[in-house]
Amino acid sequence: MARVVAFANNKGGVGKTATVIAVAQAWAKSGLKILLIDLDSQGNLTVQMSEQEIDTYPRTVRDAIVEKKKLPIYHAKNGIDYVPANLSLSDIDAVTNSYFSRETILSKIITDEVADDYDAILIDCPPALSYATYLGVFAAEHVIIPTMADNLSYAGMGMVAKLLHGIREYKKVVISGVVVTKYRANKLNELYLDKIKNDAGRAFIEPVVHEATKLQQALTLKEDIYEYDASCRAMQEYSQVADKLKEKIMK
């Protein structure tokens, strides 16, 4: 069965979606069959995977969760499949409020429909501890926390850890990686980097990924980040991060 991995932080702008894409592209290149699930109503992952406008999808992840329809799976470049999201997902908390065992909805969908078809299913959670994030984390066996080395991102990392503590009363889920992104060396960042390393322990993944214009260009142009500029430091760092996560999660 597929390994299910959720990417989460209670802070936007930390490179979460970029990390999902970097891991997905690297794992796909190694021969793994990958499915991405977008759980963010902003649809950033969907935008990166698709050539069409996100409001033009006839079905999204919301249809599977709310209407109990089949997961709508679309095909992107590099052999990666994805389930799109858009603004229609923004009301999911209110709409499902009366559903029985609603925290298990996505988990059951994955198990029943796609777990046998993929090697890894990567879930891009929204940048908040919302119901959608709870759905994604509850469906996962592994959680990756992308974070910048600053105070707000560090606080967001801690909030995800508290969320997992509550979920562990019902199922096993572990923090398999803490990935520092958009890193720039200065005294403040170094201070928070030390805090993150200390808190994450064995879950801390090296190297840190440095801030890079080339990486943002590749994402904006929807290019494979490893082919856009193989000499870019951040791309090389993401490649190492993806390899280490694969060793931990896919063994």
Foldseek 3Di string as FASTA:
>chain_A
DAAEEEEAFLDPPLCRLVLLLLLVLLVLVVPWQEEEEELAQCFLNVVLFDPDDLVPDPDAVCCCLQVVDAQDWDAGPSNYIYGTHHNVSVCVCVRCVPPDPSLCSVLVNCVPPPRVPGHYYYYYAYNRPDSSSSSRQLNHQEYEYRAALADRRLVRVVVVVVSVVVSVVPPHHYHQAYAHEQDDDDDSSVVSVVVCCVVCPPRYFDDHAHRDPLSVVCSVVSHNSCPSDVVDRNSVRSSRRSVSSCVRRND
